[in-house]
All heavy atoms as atom14 arrays in JSON, in Angstrom:
{
  "sequence": "SAIKPDYSLGSHVAALGVDFSTAAMGEKFAEGVFV",
  "atom14_mask": [
    [1, 1, 1, 1, 1, 1, 0, 0, 0, 0, 0, 0, 0, 0],
    [1, 1, 1, 1, 1, 0, 0, 0, 0, 0, 0, 0, 0, 0],
    [1, 1, 1, 1, 1, 1, 1, 1, 0, 0, 0, 0, 0, 0],
    [1, 1, 1, 1, 1, 1, 1, 1, 1, 0, 0, 0, 0, 0],
    [1, 1, 1, 1, 1, 1, 1, 0, 0, 0, 0, 0, 0, 0],
    [1, 1, 1, 1, 1, 1, 1, 1, 0, 0, 0, 0, 0, 0],
    [1, 1, 1, 1, 1, 1, 1, 1, 1, 1, 1, 1, 0, 0],
    [1, 1, 1, 1, 1, 1, 0, 0, 0, 0, 0, 0, 0, 0],
    [1, 1, 1, 1, 1, 1, 1, 1, 0, 0, 0, 0, 0, 0],
    [1, 1, 1, 1, 0, 0, 0, 0, 0, 0, 0, 0, 0, 0],
    [1, 1, 1, 1, 1, 1, 0, 0, 0, 0, 0, 0, 0, 0],
    [1, 1, 1, 1, 1, 1, 1, 1, 1, 1, 0, 0, 0, 0],
    [1, 1, 1, 1, 1, 1, 1, 0, 0, 0, 0, 0, 0, 0],
    [1, 1, 1, 1, 1, 0, 0, 0, 0, 0, 0, 0, 0, 0],
    [1, 1, 1, 1, 1, 0, 0, 0, 0, 0, 0, 0, 0, 0],
    [1, 1, 1, 1, 1, 1, 1, 1, 0, 0, 0, 0, 0, 0],
    [1, 1, 1, 1, 0, 0, 0, 0, 0, 0, 0, 0, 0, 0],
    [1, 1, 1, 1, 1, 1, 1, 0, 0, 0, 0, 0, 0, 0],
    [1, 1, 1, 1, 1, 1, 1, 1, 0, 0, 0, 0, 0, 0],
    [1, 1, 1, 1, 1, 1, 1, 1, 1, 1, 1, 0, 0, 0],
    [1, 1, 1, 1, 1, 1, 0, 0, 0, 0, 0, 0, 0, 0],
    [1, 1, 1, 1, 1, 1, 1, 0, 0, 0, 0, 0, 0, 0],
    [1, 1, 1, 1, 1, 0, 0, 0, 0, 0, 0, 0, 0, 0],
    [1, 1, 1, 1, 1, 0, 0, 0, 0, 0, 0, 0, 0, 0],
    [1, 1, 1, 1, 1, 1, 1, 1, 0, 0, 0, 0, 0, 0],
    [1, 1, 1, 1, 0, 0, 0, 0, 0, 0, 0, 0, 0, 0],
    [1, 1, 1, 1, 1, 1, 1, 1, 1, 0, 0, 0, 0, 0],
    [1, 1, 1, 1, 1, 1, 1, 1, 1, 0, 0, 0, 0, 0],
    [1, 1, 1, 1, 1, 1, 1, 1, 1, 1, 1, 0, 0, 0],
    [1, 1, 1, 1, 1, 0, 0, 0, 0, 0, 0, 0, 0, 0],
    [1, 1, 1, 1, 1, 1, 1, 1, 1, 0, 0, 0, 0, 0],
    [1, 1, 1, 1, 0, 0, 0, 0, 0, 0, 0, 0, 0, 0],
    [1, 1, 1, 1, 1, 1, 1, 0, 0, 0, 0, 0, 0, 0],
    [1, 1, 1, 1, 1, 1, 1, 1, 1, 1, 1, 0, 0, 0],
    [1, 1, 1, 1, 1, 1, 1, 0, 0, 0, 0, 0, 0, 0]
  ],
  "atom14_positions": [
    [[21.61, 90.78, 54.0], [22.47, 91.15, 52.83], [21.6, 91.44, 51.5], [22.14, 91.91, 50.52], [23.46, 90.07, 52.39], [22.76, 88.93, 51.95], [0.0, 0.0, 0.0], [0.0, 0.0, 0.0], [0.0, 0.0, 0.0], [0.0, 0.0, 0.0], [0.0, 0.0, 0.0], [0.0, 0.0, 0.0], [0.0, 0.0, 0.0], [0.0, 0.0, 0.0]],
    [[20.31, 91.1, 51.68], [19.35, 91.2, 50.46], [19.22, 92.68, 50.05], [18.97, 93.52, 50.88], [18.06, 90.54, 50.8], [0.0, 0.0, 0.0], [0.0, 0.0, 0.0], [0.0, 0.0, 0.0], [0.0, 0.0, 0.0], [0.0, 0.0, 0.0], [0.0, 0.0, 0.0], [0.0, 0.0, 0.0], [0.0, 0.0, 0.0], [0.0, 0.0, 0.0]],
    [[19.18, 92.95, 48.8], [18.9, 94.26, 48.29], [17.57, 94.3, 47.57], [17.02, 93.34, 47.19], [19.98, 94.67, 47.3], [19.97, 93.9, 46.0], [21.41, 94.69, 47.95], [21.0, 94.48, 44.97], [0.0, 0.0, 0.0], [0.0, 0.0, 0.0], [0.0, 0.0, 0.0], [0.0, 0.0, 0.0], [0.0, 0.0, 0.0], [0.0, 0.0, 0.0]],
    [[17.01, 95.58, 47.52], [15.71, 95.77, 46.85], [15.94, 95.81, 45.48], [16.95, 96.39, 44.88], [15.08, 97.06, 47.45], [14.66, 97.12, 48.81], [13.96, 98.32, 49.14], [13.45, 98.39, 50.55], [12.76, 99.74, 50.92], [0.0, 0.0, 0.0], [0.0, 0.0, 0.0], [0.0, 0.0, 0.0], [0.0, 0.0, 0.0], [0.0, 0.0, 0.0]],
    [[14.9, 95.28, 44.7], [14.87, 95.51, 43.23], [14.68, 96.97, 42.89], [14.36, 97.8, 43.78], [13.8, 94.66, 42.79], [13.39, 93.82, 43.83], [13.85, 94.4, 45.1], [0.0, 0.0, 0.0], [0.0, 0.0, 0.0], [0.0, 0.0, 0.0], [0.0, 0.0, 0.0], [0.0, 0.0, 0.0], [0.0, 0.0, 0.0], [0.0, 0.0, 0.0]],
    [[14.83, 97.27, 41.6], [14.67, 98.72, 41.17], [13.15, 99.23, 41.02], [12.9, 100.28, 41.3], [15.31, 98.87, 39.83], [16.9, 98.86, 39.97], [17.33, 99.29, 41.06], [17.54, 98.49, 39.0], [0.0, 0.0, 0.0], [0.0, 0.0, 0.0], [0.0, 0.0, 0.0], [0.0, 0.0, 0.0], [0.0, 0.0, 0.0], [0.0, 0.0, 0.0]],
    [[12.35, 98.28, 40.58], [10.97, 98.73, 40.13], [9.99, 97.64, 40.19], [10.12, 96.52, 39.49], [11.09, 99.23, 38.64], [9.87, 100.0, 38.08], [9.85, 101.35, 38.11], [8.88, 99.33, 37.5], [8.75, 102.12, 37.59], [7.85, 100.02, 37.02], [7.72, 101.47, 37.09], [6.71, 102.19, 36.5], [0.0, 0.0, 0.0], [0.0, 0.0, 0.0]],
    [[8.93, 97.81, 40.93], [7.82, 96.89, 41.03], [6.9, 96.8, 39.79], [6.47, 97.94, 39.39], [7.05, 97.11, 42.34], [5.8, 96.33, 42.3], [0.0, 0.0, 0.0], [0.0, 0.0, 0.0], [0.0, 0.0, 0.0], [0.0, 0.0, 0.0], [0.0, 0.0, 0.0], [0.0, 0.0, 0.0], [0.0, 0.0, 0.0], [0.0, 0.0, 0.0]],
    [[6.52, 95.78, 39.29], [5.63, 95.68, 38.21], [4.25, 95.24, 38.71], [3.3, 95.14, 37.97], [6.09, 94.49, 37.22], [7.4, 95.05, 36.6], [8.01, 93.62, 35.75], [7.23, 96.14, 35.62], [0.0, 0.0, 0.0], [0.0, 0.0, 0.0], [0.0, 0.0, 0.0], [0.0, 0.0, 0.0], [0.0, 0.0, 0.0], [0.0, 0.0, 0.0]],
    [[4.08, 94.95, 40.0], [2.86, 94.54, 40.55], [2.88, 92.96, 40.71], [3.54, 92.15, 39.94], [0.0, 0.0, 0.0], [0.0, 0.0, 0.0], [0.0, 0.0, 0.0], [0.0, 0.0, 0.0], [0.0, 0.0, 0.0], [0.0, 0.0, 0.0], [0.0, 0.0, 0.0], [0.0, 0.0, 0.0], [0.0, 0.0, 0.0], [0.0, 0.0, 0.0]],
    [[2.09, 92.45, 41.62], [2.26, 91.0, 42.02], [1.46, 90.19, 40.92], [0.4, 90.51, 40.59], [1.53, 90.85, 43.34], [2.36, 91.56, 44.35], [0.0, 0.0, 0.0], [0.0, 0.0, 0.0], [0.0, 0.0, 0.0], [0.0, 0.0, 0.0], [0.0, 0.0, 0.0], [0.0, 0.0, 0.0], [0.0, 0.0, 0.0], [0.0, 0.0, 0.0]],
    [[2.04, 89.1, 40.59], [1.47, 88.03, 39.71], [1.26, 88.43, 38.35], [0.39, 87.75, 37.66], [0.18, 87.52, 40.43], [0.34, 87.18, 41.9], [1.2, 86.35, 42.33], [-0.4, 87.72, 42.95], [1.14, 86.31, 43.62], [0.18, 87.06, 44.08], [0.0, 0.0, 0.0], [0.0, 0.0, 0.0], [0.0, 0.0, 0.0], [0.0, 0.0, 0.0]],
    [[1.77, 89.56, 37.89], [1.62, 89.91, 36.42], [2.31, 88.92, 35.51], [2.05, 88.87, 34.34], [2.05, 91.33, 36.25], [1.3, 92.24, 37.04], [3.61, 91.5, 36.27], [0.0, 0.0, 0.0], [0.0, 0.0, 0.0], [0.0, 0.0, 0.0], [0.0, 0.0, 0.0], [0.0, 0.0, 0.0], [0.0, 0.0, 0.0], [0.0, 0.0, 0.0]],
    [[3.26, 88.21, 36.07], [4.06, 87.12, 35.32], [4.72, 87.8, 34.11], [4.49, 87.43, 32.93], [3.07, 86.01, 34.83], [0.0, 0.0, 0.0], [0.0, 0.0, 0.0], [0.0, 0.0, 0.0], [0.0, 0.0, 0.0], [0.0, 0.0, 0.0], [0.0, 0.0, 0.0], [0.0, 0.0, 0.0], [0.0, 0.0, 0.0], [0.0, 0.0, 0.0]],
    [[5.61, 88.7, 34.38], [6.48, 89.29, 33.31], [7.38, 88.24, 32.73], [8.31, 87.63, 33.35], [7.34, 90.44, 33.95], [0.0, 0.0, 0.0], [0.0, 0.0, 0.0], [0.0, 0.0, 0.0], [0.0, 0.0, 0.0], [0.0, 0.0, 0.0], [0.0, 0.0, 0.0], [0.0, 0.0, 0.0], [0.0, 0.0, 0.0], [0.0, 0.0, 0.0]],
    [[7.41, 88.1, 31.31], [8.17, 87.13, 30.65], [9.07, 87.69, 29.53], [9.78, 87.05, 28.94], [7.24, 86.02, 30.08], [6.46, 85.14, 31.05], [5.7, 84.08, 30.21], [7.37, 84.54, 32.09], [0.0, 0.0, 0.0], [0.0, 0.0, 0.0], [0.0, 0.0, 0.0], [0.0, 0.0, 0.0], [0.0, 0.0, 0.0], [0.0, 0.0, 0.0]],
    [[8.93, 88.97, 29.29], [9.7, 89.56, 28.32], [10.15, 91.05, 28.56], [9.4, 91.65, 29.32], [0.0, 0.0, 0.0], [0.0, 0.0, 0.0], [0.0, 0.0, 0.0], [0.0, 0.0, 0.0], [0.0, 0.0, 0.0], [0.0, 0.0, 0.0], [0.0, 0.0, 0.0], [0.0, 0.0, 0.0], [0.0, 0.0, 0.0], [0.0, 0.0, 0.0]],
    [[11.35, 91.41, 28.07], [11.91, 92.74, 28.33], [12.82, 93.11, 27.19], [13.53, 92.32, 26.63], [12.61, 92.87, 29.77], [13.79, 92.15, 29.75], [12.78, 94.35, 30.13], [0.0, 0.0, 0.0], [0.0, 0.0, 0.0], [0.0, 0.0, 0.0], [0.0, 0.0, 0.0], [0.0, 0.0, 0.0], [0.0, 0.0, 0.0], [0.0, 0.0, 0.0]],
    [[12.64, 94.39, 26.75], [13.69, 94.84, 25.73], [13.68, 96.47, 25.93], [12.59, 97.08, 26.23], [13.36, 94.53, 24.43], [14.6, 94.58, 23.42], [15.65, 95.01, 23.97], [14.44, 94.39, 22.22], [0.0, 0.0, 0.0], [0.0, 0.0, 0.0], [0.0, 0.0, 0.0], [0.0, 0.0, 0.0], [0.0, 0.0, 0.0], [0.0, 0.0, 0.0]],
    [[14.88, 96.96, 25.59], [14.98, 98.49, 25.6], [14.56, 99.09, 24.37], [14.68, 98.45, 23.24], [16.4, 98.88, 25.88], [16.79, 98.73, 27.26], [17.28, 97.47, 27.79], [16.76, 99.76, 28.16], [17.67, 97.42, 29.16], [17.1, 99.71, 29.54], [17.61, 98.44, 29.94], [0.0, 0.0, 0.0], [0.0, 0.0, 0.0], [0.0, 0.0, 0.0]],
    [[13.8, 100.25, 24.49], [13.33, 100.94, 23.31], [14.42, 101.71, 22.56], [15.5, 101.96, 23.11], [12.16, 101.93, 23.67], [11.5, 102.25, 22.55], [0.0, 0.0, 0.0], [0.0, 0.0, 0.0], [0.0, 0.0, 0.0], [0.0, 0.0, 0.0], [0.0, 0.0, 0.0], [0.0, 0.0, 0.0], [0.0, 0.0, 0.0], [0.0, 0.0, 0.0]],
    [[14.06, 102.23, 21.42], [14.9, 103.26, 20.78], [14.14, 104.5, 20.25], [12.83, 104.42, 20.32], [15.52, 102.55, 19.49], [14.53, 102.29, 18.55], [16.31, 101.2, 19.88], [0.0, 0.0, 0.0], [0.0, 0.0, 0.0], [0.0, 0.0, 0.0], [0.0, 0.0, 0.0], [0.0, 0.0, 0.0], [0.0, 0.0, 0.0], [0.0, 0.0, 0.0]],
    [[14.76, 105.45, 19.72], [14.11, 106.7, 19.27], [13.2, 106.29, 18.08], [12.18, 107.03, 17.81], [15.1, 107.66, 18.84], [0.0, 0.0, 0.0], [0.0, 0.0, 0.0], [0.0, 0.0, 0.0], [0.0, 0.0, 0.0], [0.0, 0.0, 0.0], [0.0, 0.0, 0.0], [0.0, 0.0, 0.0], [0.0, 0.0, 0.0], [0.0, 0.0, 0.0]],
    [[13.37, 105.28, 17.38], [12.51, 104.87, 16.29], [11.1, 104.54, 16.71], [10.14, 104.55, 15.99], [13.08, 103.67, 15.54], [0.0, 0.0, 0.0], [0.0, 0.0, 0.0], [0.0, 0.0, 0.0], [0.0, 0.0, 0.0], [0.0, 0.0, 0.0], [0.0, 0.0, 0.0], [0.0, 0.0, 0.0], [0.0, 0.0, 0.0], [0.0, 0.0, 0.0]],
    [[10.9, 104.21, 18.04], [9.53, 104.11, 18.49], [8.73, 105.38, 18.88], [7.59, 105.27, 19.36], [9.61, 103.16, 19.73], [10.13, 101.62, 19.42], [9.07, 100.8, 18.31], [7.53, 100.64, 19.05], [0.0, 0.0, 0.0], [0.0, 0.0, 0.0], [0.0, 0.0, 0.0], [0.0, 0.0, 0.0], [0.0, 0.0, 0.0], [0.0, 0.0, 0.0]],
    [[9.35, 106.41, 18.54], [8.61, 107.73, 18.83], [9.07, 108.41, 20.16], [9.49, 107.68, 21.13], [0.0, 0.0, 0.0], [0.0, 0.0, 0.0], [0.0, 0.0, 0.0], [0.0, 0.0, 0.0], [0.0, 0.0, 0.0], [0.0, 0.0, 0.0], [0.0, 0.0, 0.0], [0.0, 0.0, 0.0], [0.0, 0.0, 0.0], [0.0, 0.0, 0.0]],
    [[8.81, 109.73, 20.26], [9.31, 110.47, 21.49], [8.71, 109.85, 22.77], [9.46, 109.8, 23.76], [8.88, 111.91, 21.31], [9.39, 112.73, 22.37], [9.04, 114.2, 22.15], [8.37, 114.54, 21.09], [9.25, 115.07, 23.08], [0.0, 0.0, 0.0], [0.0, 0.0, 0.0], [0.0, 0.0, 0.0], [0.0, 0.0, 0.0], [0.0, 0.0, 0.0]],
    [[7.49, 109.58, 22.87], [6.96, 109.12, 24.1], [7.48, 107.84, 24.47], [7.6, 107.56, 25.75], [5.39, 108.96, 23.82], [4.62, 108.62, 25.27], [3.11, 108.47, 25.06], [2.49, 108.16, 26.32], [0.94, 108.07, 26.19], [0.0, 0.0, 0.0], [0.0, 0.0, 0.0], [0.0, 0.0, 0.0], [0.0, 0.0, 0.0], [0.0, 0.0, 0.0]],
    [[7.89, 106.96, 23.57], [8.38, 105.63, 24.0], [9.89, 105.43, 23.68], [10.38, 104.4, 23.36], [7.48, 104.56, 23.25], [6.13, 104.64, 23.62], [5.23, 105.2, 22.66], [5.64, 104.24, 24.82], [3.78, 105.18, 22.96], [4.32, 104.2, 25.13], [3.36, 104.73, 24.12], [0.0, 0.0, 0.0], [0.0, 0.0, 0.0], [0.0, 0.0, 0.0]],
    [[10.59, 106.52, 23.51], [12.04, 106.47, 23.13], [12.93, 106.02, 24.22], [13.92, 105.31, 23.88], [12.5, 107.87, 22.68], [0.0, 0.0, 0.0], [0.0, 0.0, 0.0], [0.0, 0.0, 0.0], [0.0, 0.0, 0.0], [0.0, 0.0, 0.0], [0.0, 0.0, 0.0], [0.0, 0.0, 0.0], [0.0, 0.0, 0.0], [0.0, 0.0, 0.0]],
    [[12.59, 106.31, 25.44], [13.62, 105.99, 26.49], [12.84, 105.07, 27.66], [12.11, 105.6, 28.28], [14.11, 107.16, 27.13], [15.29, 106.94, 28.21], [15.88, 108.12, 28.76], [15.46, 109.25, 28.47], [16.81, 108.04, 29.75], [0.0, 0.0, 0.0], [0.0, 0.0, 0.0], [0.0, 0.0, 0.0], [0.0, 0.0, 0.0], [0.0, 0.0, 0.0]],
    [[13.17, 103.85, 27.71], [12.53, 102.97, 28.67], [12.53, 101.54, 28.06], [13.31, 101.26, 27.21], [0.0, 0.0, 0.0], [0.0, 0.0, 0.0], [0.0, 0.0, 0.0], [0.0, 0.0, 0.0], [0.0, 0.0, 0.0], [0.0, 0.0, 0.0], [0.0, 0.0, 0.0], [0.0, 0.0, 0.0], [0.0, 0.0, 0.0], [0.0, 0.0, 0.0]],
    [[11.8, 100.71, 28.77], [11.7, 99.3, 28.37], [10.29, 98.9, 28.11], [9.37, 99.38, 28.76], [12.31, 98.34, 29.42], [13.89, 98.58, 29.58], [11.72, 98.4, 30.72], [0.0, 0.0, 0.0], [0.0, 0.0, 0.0], [0.0, 0.0, 0.0], [0.0, 0.0, 0.0], [0.0, 0.0, 0.0], [0.0, 0.0, 0.0], [0.0, 0.0, 0.0]],
    [[10.06, 97.96, 27.18], [8.79, 97.35, 27.1], [8.89, 96.05, 27.85], [9.88, 95.36, 27.89], [8.53, 96.99, 25.58], [8.32, 98.25, 24.69], [9.33, 98.75, 23.95], [7.1, 98.75, 24.76], [9.11, 99.85, 23.2], [6.89, 99.99, 23.95], [8.01, 100.44, 23.3], [0.0, 0.0, 0.0], [0.0, 0.0, 0.0], [0.0, 0.0, 0.0]],
    [[7.73, 95.61, 28.41], [7.68, 94.4, 29.33], [6.45, 93.65, 28.91], [5.33, 94.25, 28.83], [7.69, 94.76, 30.83], [7.44, 93.4, 31.59], [8.84, 95.49, 31.3], [0.0, 0.0, 0.0], [0.0, 0.0, 0.0], [0.0, 0.0, 0.0], [0.0, 0.0, 0.0], [0.0, 0.0, 0.0], [0.0, 0.0, 0.0], [0.0, 0.0, 0.0]]
  ]
}
């Protein structure tokens, strides 16, 4: 029954933060998340 996650960040990077960007961060970083 297990499903796959959406996106690998790499092993052991220890991701501890996430937030969605906005257009105020500029065109290159407008759509996506910071980790």
